[in-house]
């Protein structure tokens, strides 16, 4: 298996673990057209007889998943990160945000591994360790498709990922910021 395949599997596994902890169901599209995973809660309904039934929610949050090593991102003086994202992926994020009506939101999750592959993942006697960090990105109001007009879709554009957007165990707060009940 090549490095990029390993990175993709580690980042996918991390997101799936995080979603399970937050009781969000993960759906993987059959084809990857800019969305790697969709996550949504399971809705609970009380029936007339007082018993409960469950059904998949229609409040999906799309996730575009990227994985890189720490030497490929730049830590800025303000504590944020600079990341080179393919133009096509940036345009997918911005286009989705500008679409009206939006049927689902789309965020980017960038998983950052240590430079040394031996440090990516380890299993110990009493715990499992996956290094290093993951951050999420959602285009701001100032992000625009005009930034990419003269660029080829396979070239890259630099985005700034805020340090405060570090993923932690409470993913529901991020999800709820898009879908307030």
N, C-alpha and C. Protein backbone atom coordinates (compact mmCIF):
# COMPACT_ATOMS: atom_id res chain seq x y z
N UNK A 1 0.85 -1.18 0.00
CA UNK A 1 0.00 0.00 0.00
C UNK A 1 0.89 1.24 0.00
N UNK A 2 0.54 2.23 -0.79
CA UNK A 2 1.34 3.45 -0.87
C UNK A 2 1.01 4.39 0.29
N UNK A 3 1.94 5.32 0.57
CA UNK A 3 1.78 6.26 1.69
C UNK A 3 0.43 6.97 1.66
N UNK A 4 0.02 7.47 0.51
CA UNK A 4 -1.25 8.20 0.44
C UNK A 4 -2.44 7.33 0.79
N UNK A 5 -2.39 6.05 0.44
CA UNK A 5 -3.47 5.13 0.81
C UNK A 5 -3.49 4.91 2.32
N UNK A 6 -2.32 4.77 2.92
CA UNK A 6 -2.24 4.61 4.37
C UNK A 6 -2.79 5.85 5.06
N UNK A 7 -2.37 7.02 4.60
CA UNK A 7 -2.85 8.28 5.19
C UNK A 7 -4.37 8.39 5.08
N UNK A 8 -4.90 8.06 3.90
CA UNK A 8 -6.35 8.13 3.69
C UNK A 8 -7.08 7.20 4.65
N UNK A 9 -6.58 5.99 4.83
CA UNK A 9 -7.23 5.05 5.74
C UNK A 9 -7.14 5.48 7.19
N UNK A 10 -6.00 6.04 7.60
CA UNK A 10 -5.86 6.53 8.98
C UNK A 10 -6.81 7.69 9.25
N UNK A 11 -6.89 8.64 8.32
CA UNK A 11 -7.76 9.79 8.53
C UNK A 11 -9.23 9.38 8.50
N UNK A 12 -9.59 8.48 7.60
CA UNK A 12 -10.96 7.97 7.54
C UNK A 12 -11.30 7.26 8.85
N UNK A 13 -10.39 6.42 9.33
CA UNK A 13 -10.62 5.71 10.59
C UNK A 13 -10.76 6.65 11.76
N UNK A 14 -9.94 7.70 11.80
CA UNK A 14 -10.04 8.69 12.87
C UNK A 14 -11.41 9.36 12.87
N UNK A 15 -11.86 9.79 11.71
CA UNK A 15 -13.16 10.47 11.62
C UNK A 15 -14.27 9.52 12.03
N UNK A 16 -14.20 8.27 11.61
CA UNK A 16 -15.23 7.29 11.99
C UNK A 16 -15.26 7.07 13.50
N UNK A 17 -14.09 7.00 14.15
CA UNK A 17 -14.04 6.86 15.61
C UNK A 17 -14.66 8.08 16.29
N UNK A 18 -14.30 9.25 15.81
CA UNK A 18 -14.83 10.48 16.38
C UNK A 18 -16.34 10.57 16.21
N UNK A 19 -16.84 10.18 15.05
CA UNK A 19 -18.29 10.23 14.82
C UNK A 19 -19.01 9.21 15.70
N UNK A 20 -18.44 8.02 15.88
CA UNK A 20 -19.06 7.01 16.75
C UNK A 20 -19.16 7.55 18.18
N UNK A 21 -18.11 8.19 18.65
CA UNK A 21 -18.13 8.77 20.00
C UNK A 21 -19.23 9.82 20.14
N UNK A 22 -19.52 10.52 19.06
CA UNK A 22 -20.54 11.57 19.07
C UNK A 22 -21.91 11.09 18.58
N UNK A 23 -22.03 9.77 18.39
CA UNK A 23 -23.29 9.14 17.99
C UNK A 23 -23.82 9.67 16.66
N UNK A 24 -22.88 9.94 15.76
CA UNK A 24 -23.24 10.35 14.41
C UNK A 24 -22.97 9.19 13.46
N UNK A 25 -23.89 8.96 12.57
CA UNK A 25 -23.75 7.87 11.61
C UNK A 25 -22.94 8.37 10.41
N UNK A 26 -22.04 7.53 9.91
CA UNK A 26 -21.19 7.87 8.78
C UNK A 26 -21.70 7.16 7.53
N UNK A 27 -21.85 7.93 6.48
CA UNK A 27 -22.26 7.39 5.17
C UNK A 27 -21.15 7.73 4.18
N UNK A 28 -20.68 6.73 3.45
CA UNK A 28 -19.64 6.96 2.45
C UNK A 28 -20.28 6.90 1.07
N UNK A 29 -20.20 8.00 0.30
CA UNK A 29 -20.76 7.98 -1.06
C UNK A 29 -20.06 6.92 -1.92
N UNK A 30 -20.81 6.33 -2.83
CA UNK A 30 -20.22 5.31 -3.71
C UNK A 30 -19.14 5.90 -4.60
N UNK A 31 -19.33 7.13 -5.04
CA UNK A 31 -18.30 7.79 -5.84
C UNK A 31 -17.88 9.07 -5.12
N UNK A 32 -16.62 9.42 -5.27
CA UNK A 32 -16.05 10.58 -4.60
C UNK A 32 -16.06 11.76 -5.57
N UNK A 33 -17.05 12.62 -5.40
CA UNK A 33 -17.15 13.83 -6.22
C UNK A 33 -17.00 15.06 -5.35
N UNK A 34 -16.02 15.01 -4.46
CA UNK A 34 -15.75 16.16 -3.59
C UNK A 34 -16.21 15.96 -2.16
N UNK A 35 -16.99 14.90 -1.90
CA UNK A 35 -17.43 14.59 -0.55
C UNK A 35 -16.97 13.17 -0.24
N UNK A 36 -16.11 13.05 0.77
CA UNK A 36 -15.59 11.73 1.14
C UNK A 36 -16.52 10.99 2.09
N UNK A 37 -17.11 11.73 3.03
CA UNK A 37 -18.01 11.15 4.01
C UNK A 37 -19.15 12.11 4.29
N UNK A 38 -20.30 11.57 4.63
CA UNK A 38 -21.42 12.35 5.13
C UNK A 38 -21.73 11.84 6.53
N UNK A 39 -21.97 12.75 7.45
CA UNK A 39 -22.32 12.36 8.81
C UNK A 39 -23.65 12.99 9.19
N UNK A 40 -24.41 12.25 9.99
CA UNK A 40 -25.72 12.73 10.43
C UNK A 40 -26.13 11.95 11.67
N UNK A 41 -26.97 12.56 12.50
CA UNK A 41 -27.48 11.82 13.66
C UNK A 41 -28.57 10.84 13.22
N UNK A 42 -28.98 10.04 14.15
CA UNK A 42 -30.14 9.18 13.96
C UNK A 42 -31.27 9.82 14.75
N UNK A 43 -32.40 10.06 14.10
CA UNK A 43 -33.53 10.71 14.75
C UNK A 43 -34.38 9.68 15.48
N UNK A 44 -34.87 10.06 16.66
CA UNK A 44 -35.69 9.18 17.50
C UNK A 44 -37.11 9.74 17.51
N UNK A 45 -38.06 8.88 17.23
CA UNK A 45 -39.47 9.29 17.21
C UNK A 45 -40.28 8.40 18.15
N UNK A 46 -41.21 9.03 18.87
CA UNK A 46 -42.11 8.25 19.71
C UNK A 46 -43.37 7.92 18.92
N UNK A 47 -43.70 6.66 18.90
CA UNK A 47 -44.90 6.21 18.20
C UNK A 47 -46.11 6.38 19.10
N UNK A 48 -47.29 6.27 18.53
CA UNK A 48 -48.54 6.44 19.27
C UNK A 48 -48.65 5.47 20.45
N UNK A 49 -48.03 4.30 20.32
CA UNK A 49 -48.10 3.31 21.40
C UNK A 49 -47.06 3.55 22.49
N UNK A 50 -46.30 4.64 22.39
CA UNK A 50 -45.31 4.99 23.40
C UNK A 50 -43.94 4.39 23.16
N UNK A 51 -43.82 3.52 22.19
CA UNK A 51 -42.52 2.93 21.86
C UNK A 51 -41.78 3.86 20.90
N UNK A 52 -40.47 3.67 20.83
CA UNK A 52 -39.65 4.55 20.00
C UNK A 52 -39.20 3.83 18.73
N UNK A 53 -39.03 4.61 17.70
CA UNK A 53 -38.47 4.12 16.44
C UNK A 53 -37.35 5.08 16.03
N UNK A 54 -36.43 4.59 15.24
CA UNK A 54 -35.27 5.39 14.84
C UNK A 54 -35.18 5.42 13.32
N UNK A 55 -34.72 6.55 12.81
CA UNK A 55 -34.54 6.68 11.36
C UNK A 55 -33.36 7.60 11.09
N UNK A 56 -32.72 7.38 9.95
CA UNK A 56 -31.61 8.25 9.57
C UNK A 56 -32.09 9.68 9.40
N UNK A 57 -31.34 10.62 9.91
CA UNK A 57 -31.64 12.03 9.75
C UNK A 57 -31.31 12.48 8.34
N UNK A 58 -31.96 13.53 7.90
CA UNK A 58 -31.63 14.13 6.60
C UNK A 58 -30.72 15.35 6.76
N UNK A 59 -30.22 15.58 7.97
CA UNK A 59 -29.35 16.72 8.24
C UNK A 59 -27.88 16.29 8.13
N UNK A 60 -27.44 16.08 6.90
CA UNK A 60 -26.08 15.61 6.64
C UNK A 60 -25.08 16.76 6.70
N UNK A 61 -23.92 16.44 7.22
CA UNK A 61 -22.76 17.32 7.13
C UNK A 61 -21.75 16.59 6.28
N UNK A 62 -21.42 17.15 5.12
CA UNK A 62 -20.46 16.54 4.23
C UNK A 62 -19.04 16.84 4.70
N UNK A 63 -18.17 15.86 4.54
CA UNK A 63 -16.78 16.04 4.94
C UNK A 63 -15.87 15.71 3.75
N UNK A 64 -15.06 16.68 3.41
CA UNK A 64 -13.99 16.48 2.43
C UNK A 64 -12.76 16.19 3.29
N UNK A 65 -12.13 15.05 3.10
CA UNK A 65 -11.09 14.58 4.00
C UNK A 65 -9.73 14.63 3.32
N UNK A 66 -8.77 15.25 3.98
CA UNK A 66 -7.39 15.32 3.49
C UNK A 66 -6.45 14.90 4.62
N UNK A 67 -5.33 14.33 4.24
CA UNK A 67 -4.34 13.91 5.22
C UNK A 67 -2.96 14.28 4.69
N UNK A 68 -2.14 14.83 5.58
CA UNK A 68 -0.80 15.25 5.20
C UNK A 68 0.13 15.05 6.39
N UNK A 69 1.37 15.38 6.21
CA UNK A 69 2.33 15.33 7.32
C UNK A 69 2.68 16.75 7.74
N UNK A 70 3.17 16.87 8.97
CA UNK A 70 3.41 18.19 9.56
C UNK A 70 4.41 19.03 8.78
N UNK A 71 5.28 18.40 8.01
CA UNK A 71 6.23 19.17 7.21
C UNK A 71 5.60 19.78 5.96
N UNK A 72 4.36 19.41 5.66
CA UNK A 72 3.66 19.92 4.47
C UNK A 72 2.70 21.07 4.80
N UNK A 73 2.56 21.39 6.08
CA UNK A 73 1.74 22.54 6.49
C UNK A 73 2.65 23.55 7.15
N UNK A 74 2.25 24.80 7.10
CA UNK A 74 3.08 25.86 7.67
C UNK A 74 2.35 26.46 8.86
N UNK A 75 3.02 26.44 10.02
CA UNK A 75 2.48 27.09 11.20
C UNK A 75 2.80 28.58 11.11
N UNK A 76 1.75 29.39 11.12
CA UNK A 76 1.92 30.84 10.99
C UNK A 76 2.18 31.48 12.35
N UNK A 77 2.65 32.72 12.34
CA UNK A 77 2.94 33.44 13.59
C UNK A 77 1.70 33.59 14.46
N UNK A 78 0.52 33.67 13.85
CA UNK A 78 -0.72 33.84 14.61
C UNK A 78 -1.25 32.51 15.16
N UNK A 79 -0.51 31.41 14.94
CA UNK A 79 -0.92 30.10 15.46
C UNK A 79 -1.77 29.29 14.50
N UNK A 80 -2.21 29.92 13.41
CA UNK A 80 -3.01 29.21 12.42
C UNK A 80 -2.08 28.45 11.47
N UNK A 81 -2.69 27.65 10.60
CA UNK A 81 -1.93 26.84 9.66
C UNK A 81 -2.22 27.25 8.22
N UNK A 82 -1.20 27.25 7.39
CA UNK A 82 -1.36 27.42 5.95
C UNK A 82 -1.33 26.03 5.33
N UNK A 83 -2.28 25.77 4.46
CA UNK A 83 -2.38 24.46 3.82
C UNK A 83 -2.66 24.66 2.34
N UNK A 84 -1.93 23.93 1.52
CA UNK A 84 -2.14 23.99 0.07
C UNK A 84 -3.20 22.97 -0.33
N UNK A 85 -4.33 23.48 -0.76
CA UNK A 85 -5.48 22.66 -1.14
C UNK A 85 -5.66 22.72 -2.65
N UNK A 86 -5.97 21.59 -3.24
CA UNK A 86 -6.24 21.57 -4.69
C UNK A 86 -7.38 22.54 -5.01
N UNK A 87 -7.24 23.27 -6.09
CA UNK A 87 -8.23 24.26 -6.51
C UNK A 87 -9.62 23.63 -6.62
N UNK A 88 -9.70 22.44 -7.19
CA UNK A 88 -11.00 21.77 -7.35
C UNK A 88 -11.68 21.59 -6.00
N UNK A 89 -10.91 21.19 -4.97
CA UNK A 89 -11.47 20.97 -3.64
C UNK A 89 -11.92 22.29 -3.00
N UNK A 90 -11.10 23.33 -3.18
CA UNK A 90 -11.47 24.66 -2.67
C UNK A 90 -12.77 25.14 -3.33
N UNK A 91 -12.85 24.98 -4.64
CA UNK A 91 -14.05 25.42 -5.36
C UNK A 91 -15.28 24.64 -4.91
N UNK A 92 -15.13 23.35 -4.65
CA UNK A 92 -16.26 22.56 -4.13
C UNK A 92 -16.77 23.14 -2.81
N UNK A 93 -15.85 23.49 -1.91
CA UNK A 93 -16.24 24.04 -0.61
C UNK A 93 -16.94 25.39 -0.76
N UNK A 94 -16.35 26.28 -1.57
CA UNK A 94 -16.92 27.62 -1.74
C UNK A 94 -18.25 27.55 -2.49
N UNK A 95 -18.29 26.76 -3.56
CA UNK A 95 -19.52 26.63 -4.34
C UNK A 95 -20.66 26.08 -3.49
N UNK A 96 -20.35 25.11 -2.64
CA UNK A 96 -21.37 24.55 -1.76
C UNK A 96 -21.90 25.60 -0.79
N UNK A 97 -21.00 26.44 -0.27
CA UNK A 97 -21.43 27.47 0.68
C UNK A 97 -22.29 28.53 0.00
N UNK A 98 -22.01 28.82 -1.27
CA UNK A 98 -22.75 29.87 -1.98
C UNK A 98 -24.10 29.39 -2.52
N UNK A 99 -24.27 28.08 -2.61
CA UNK A 99 -25.48 27.50 -3.21
C UNK A 99 -26.70 27.81 -2.35
N UNK A 100 -27.77 28.21 -2.99
CA UNK A 100 -29.03 28.45 -2.29
C UNK A 100 -30.14 27.71 -3.03
N UNK A 101 -30.96 26.95 -2.37
CA UNK A 101 -30.80 26.59 -0.97
C UNK A 101 -29.73 25.53 -0.81
N UNK A 102 -29.10 25.53 0.36
CA UNK A 102 -28.10 24.49 0.68
C UNK A 102 -28.82 23.31 1.29
N UNK A 103 -28.63 22.15 0.72
CA UNK A 103 -29.25 20.95 1.26
C UNK A 103 -28.38 20.30 2.32
N UNK A 104 -27.08 20.55 2.23
CA UNK A 104 -26.19 20.08 3.28
C UNK A 104 -24.95 20.97 3.28
N UNK A 105 -24.32 21.03 4.43
CA UNK A 105 -23.09 21.80 4.56
C UNK A 105 -21.91 20.90 4.20
N UNK A 106 -20.79 21.52 3.86
CA UNK A 106 -19.59 20.79 3.50
C UNK A 106 -18.39 21.43 4.18
N UNK A 107 -17.65 20.64 4.94
CA UNK A 107 -16.44 21.13 5.59
C UNK A 107 -15.24 20.31 5.11
N UNK A 108 -14.08 20.87 5.29
CA UNK A 108 -12.83 20.18 5.02
C UNK A 108 -12.24 19.75 6.36
N UNK A 109 -11.81 18.51 6.46
CA UNK A 109 -11.07 18.04 7.63
C UNK A 109 -9.67 17.67 7.15
N UNK A 110 -8.67 18.32 7.74
CA UNK A 110 -7.27 18.04 7.41
C UNK A 110 -6.64 17.33 8.60
N UNK A 111 -6.23 16.11 8.38
CA UNK A 111 -5.56 15.32 9.40
C UNK A 111 -4.06 15.48 9.20
N UNK A 112 -3.35 15.90 10.24
CA UNK A 112 -1.91 16.16 10.14
C UNK A 112 -1.17 15.10 10.94
N UNK A 113 -0.37 14.32 10.24
CA UNK A 113 0.43 13.27 10.86
C UNK A 113 1.86 13.76 11.09
N UNK A 114 2.59 13.11 12.01
CA UNK A 114 4.01 13.45 12.17
C UNK A 114 4.77 13.13 10.87
N UNK A 115 5.91 13.77 10.71
CA UNK A 115 6.73 13.53 9.51
C UNK A 115 7.20 12.08 9.45
N UNK A 116 7.59 11.53 10.59
CA UNK A 116 8.12 10.18 10.66
C UNK A 116 6.96 9.17 10.67
N UNK A 117 6.90 8.32 9.67
CA UNK A 117 5.82 7.35 9.54
C UNK A 117 5.71 6.41 10.74
N UNK A 118 6.82 6.11 11.40
CA UNK A 118 6.79 5.23 12.57
C UNK A 118 6.00 5.83 13.72
N UNK A 119 5.80 7.14 13.70
CA UNK A 119 5.07 7.82 14.77
C UNK A 119 3.58 8.01 14.46
N UNK A 120 3.13 7.59 13.31
CA UNK A 120 1.74 7.82 12.92
C UNK A 120 0.75 7.09 13.82
N UNK A 121 1.02 5.81 14.10
CA UNK A 121 0.05 4.97 14.78
C UNK A 121 0.78 3.91 15.58
N UNK A 122 0.40 3.74 16.84
CA UNK A 122 1.01 2.71 17.68
C UNK A 122 -0.03 2.07 18.57
N UNK A 123 0.20 0.83 18.92
CA UNK A 123 -0.65 0.10 19.85
C UNK A 123 0.21 -0.29 21.04
N UNK A 124 -0.27 0.09 22.23
CA UNK A 124 0.43 -0.21 23.47
C UNK A 124 -0.41 -1.17 24.30
N UNK A 125 0.11 -1.60 25.43
CA UNK A 125 -0.61 -2.56 26.27
C UNK A 125 -1.98 -2.05 26.72
N UNK A 126 -2.06 -0.76 27.03
CA UNK A 126 -3.32 -0.25 27.58
C UNK A 126 -3.94 0.91 26.80
N UNK A 127 -3.42 1.22 25.62
CA UNK A 127 -4.06 2.24 24.80
C UNK A 127 -3.56 2.18 23.36
N UNK A 128 -4.32 2.84 22.52
CA UNK A 128 -3.98 2.98 21.10
C UNK A 128 -3.67 4.45 20.87
N UNK A 129 -2.62 4.71 20.10
CA UNK A 129 -2.18 6.10 19.90
C UNK A 129 -2.12 6.41 18.41
N UNK A 130 -2.89 7.42 18.01
CA UNK A 130 -2.88 7.92 16.64
C UNK A 130 -2.43 9.37 16.71
N UNK A 131 -1.33 9.70 16.03
CA UNK A 131 -0.75 11.05 16.11
C UNK A 131 -1.14 11.82 14.86
N UNK A 132 -1.40 13.01 14.86
CA UNK A 132 -1.02 14.14 15.64
C UNK A 132 -2.24 15.01 15.87
N UNK A 133 -2.77 15.69 14.84
CA UNK A 133 -3.93 16.56 15.02
C UNK A 133 -4.81 16.54 13.78
N UNK A 134 -6.03 17.00 13.97
CA UNK A 134 -6.94 17.21 12.84
C UNK A 134 -7.64 18.55 13.05
N UNK A 135 -7.84 19.26 11.95
CA UNK A 135 -8.48 20.57 11.97
C UNK A 135 -9.59 20.59 10.92
N UNK A 136 -10.59 21.44 11.16
CA UNK A 136 -11.64 21.58 10.17
C UNK A 136 -11.63 23.01 9.62
N UNK A 137 -12.12 23.11 8.40
CA UNK A 137 -12.12 24.39 7.68
C UNK A 137 -13.46 24.55 6.98
N UNK A 138 -14.01 25.74 7.09
CA UNK A 138 -15.24 26.10 6.40
C UNK A 138 -14.98 27.47 5.78
N UNK A 139 -15.26 27.63 4.49
CA UNK A 139 -14.94 28.91 3.85
C UNK A 139 -15.59 30.09 4.57
N UNK A 140 -14.84 31.18 4.64
CA UNK A 140 -15.38 32.39 5.26
C UNK A 140 -16.19 33.16 4.23
N UNK A 141 -16.81 34.21 4.68
CA UNK A 141 -17.63 35.04 3.79
C UNK A 141 -16.77 35.71 2.71
N UNK A 142 -15.47 35.88 3.00
CA UNK A 142 -14.58 36.53 2.03
C UNK A 142 -13.99 35.55 1.02
N UNK A 143 -14.13 34.25 1.26
CA UNK A 143 -13.63 33.28 0.28
C UNK A 143 -14.50 33.35 -0.96
N UNK A 144 -13.84 33.27 -2.10
CA UNK A 144 -14.55 33.47 -3.36
C UNK A 144 -13.93 32.62 -4.46
N UNK A 145 -14.75 32.28 -5.44
CA UNK A 145 -14.26 31.55 -6.59
C UNK A 145 -13.35 32.42 -7.46
N UNK A 146 -13.39 33.74 -7.25
CA UNK A 146 -12.53 34.64 -8.03
C UNK A 146 -11.05 34.36 -7.77
N UNK A 147 -10.72 33.80 -6.61
CA UNK A 147 -9.32 33.48 -6.29
C UNK A 147 -8.74 32.42 -7.22
N UNK A 148 -9.62 31.64 -7.86
CA UNK A 148 -9.15 30.50 -8.65
C UNK A 148 -9.44 30.61 -10.14
N UNK A 149 -9.96 31.74 -10.59
CA UNK A 149 -10.36 31.90 -11.99
C UNK A 149 -9.24 31.53 -12.96
N UNK A 150 -8.04 31.98 -12.68
CA UNK A 150 -6.94 31.76 -13.62
C UNK A 150 -6.12 30.50 -13.31
N UNK A 151 -6.61 29.66 -12.42
CA UNK A 151 -5.85 28.48 -12.02
C UNK A 151 -6.47 27.20 -12.60
N UNK A 152 -5.61 26.25 -12.89
CA UNK A 152 -6.04 24.93 -13.32
C UNK A 152 -6.61 24.19 -12.10
N UNK A 153 -7.59 23.31 -12.32
CA UNK A 153 -8.24 22.63 -11.20
C UNK A 153 -7.31 21.70 -10.42
N UNK A 154 -6.20 21.28 -11.02
CA UNK A 154 -5.25 20.43 -10.32
C UNK A 154 -4.14 21.21 -9.62
N UNK A 155 -4.10 22.52 -9.81
CA UNK A 155 -3.11 23.33 -9.08
C UNK A 155 -3.63 23.54 -7.65
N UNK A 156 -2.86 24.24 -6.83
CA UNK A 156 -3.26 24.43 -5.43
C UNK A 156 -3.47 25.89 -5.10
N UNK A 157 -4.20 26.09 -4.02
CA UNK A 157 -4.43 27.41 -3.47
C UNK A 157 -4.17 27.31 -1.97
N UNK A 158 -3.58 28.33 -1.39
CA UNK A 158 -3.26 28.30 0.03
C UNK A 158 -4.46 28.80 0.84
N UNK A 159 -4.89 27.98 1.78
CA UNK A 159 -5.95 28.39 2.70
C UNK A 159 -5.37 28.50 4.10
N UNK A 160 -6.04 29.26 4.94
CA UNK A 160 -5.62 29.39 6.33
C UNK A 160 -6.63 28.67 7.21
N UNK A 161 -6.12 27.70 7.96
CA UNK A 161 -6.96 26.93 8.87
C UNK A 161 -6.71 27.44 10.28
N UNK A 162 -7.77 27.87 10.93
CA UNK A 162 -7.64 28.45 12.27
C UNK A 162 -7.28 27.39 13.30
N UNK A 163 -6.35 27.74 14.18
CA UNK A 163 -5.92 26.83 15.24
C UNK A 163 -7.09 26.46 16.15
N UNK A 164 -8.05 27.36 16.32
CA UNK A 164 -9.20 27.08 17.18
C UNK A 164 -10.12 26.02 16.56
N UNK A 165 -9.90 25.70 15.29
CA UNK A 165 -10.71 24.69 14.62
C UNK A 165 -10.11 23.29 14.76
N UNK A 166 -9.35 23.08 15.80
CA UNK A 166 -8.79 21.76 16.07
C UNK A 166 -9.92 20.83 16.51
N UNK A 167 -9.97 19.66 15.90
CA UNK A 167 -11.00 18.70 16.29
C UNK A 167 -10.67 18.12 17.65
N UNK A 168 -11.69 18.01 18.48
CA UNK A 168 -11.53 17.32 19.75
C UNK A 168 -12.70 16.35 19.91
N UNK A 169 -12.83 15.78 21.05
CA UNK A 169 -13.81 14.72 21.26
C UNK A 169 -15.25 15.20 21.07
N UNK A 170 -15.50 16.50 21.25
CA UNK A 170 -16.85 17.05 21.13
C UNK A 170 -17.10 17.57 19.71
N UNK A 171 -17.33 16.66 18.79
CA UNK A 171 -17.65 17.06 17.42
C UNK A 171 -19.08 17.60 17.30
N UNK A 172 -19.95 17.22 18.22
CA UNK A 172 -21.35 17.66 18.15
C UNK A 172 -21.47 19.18 18.18
N UNK A 173 -20.57 19.87 18.87
CA UNK A 173 -20.65 21.34 18.89
C UNK A 173 -20.41 21.91 17.48
N UNK A 174 -19.51 21.27 16.72
CA UNK A 174 -19.28 21.70 15.34
C UNK A 174 -20.51 21.38 14.49
N UNK A 175 -20.99 20.16 14.60
CA UNK A 175 -22.18 19.75 13.85
C UNK A 175 -23.35 20.69 14.16
N UNK A 176 -23.58 20.94 15.44
CA UNK A 176 -24.72 21.79 15.83
C UNK A 176 -24.58 23.23 15.36
N UNK A 177 -23.35 23.70 15.12
CA UNK A 177 -23.19 25.06 14.63
C UNK A 177 -23.77 25.19 13.21
N UNK A 178 -23.89 24.08 12.49
CA UNK A 178 -24.51 24.09 11.17
C UNK A 178 -25.98 23.73 11.21
N UNK A 179 -26.37 22.91 12.16
CA UNK A 179 -27.76 22.42 12.24
C UNK A 179 -28.30 22.58 13.65
N UNK A 180 -28.64 23.78 13.99
CA UNK A 180 -29.27 24.04 15.29
C UNK A 180 -30.68 23.49 15.25
N UNK A 181 -31.02 22.73 16.29
CA UNK A 181 -32.40 22.17 16.36
C UNK A 181 -33.37 23.24 16.81
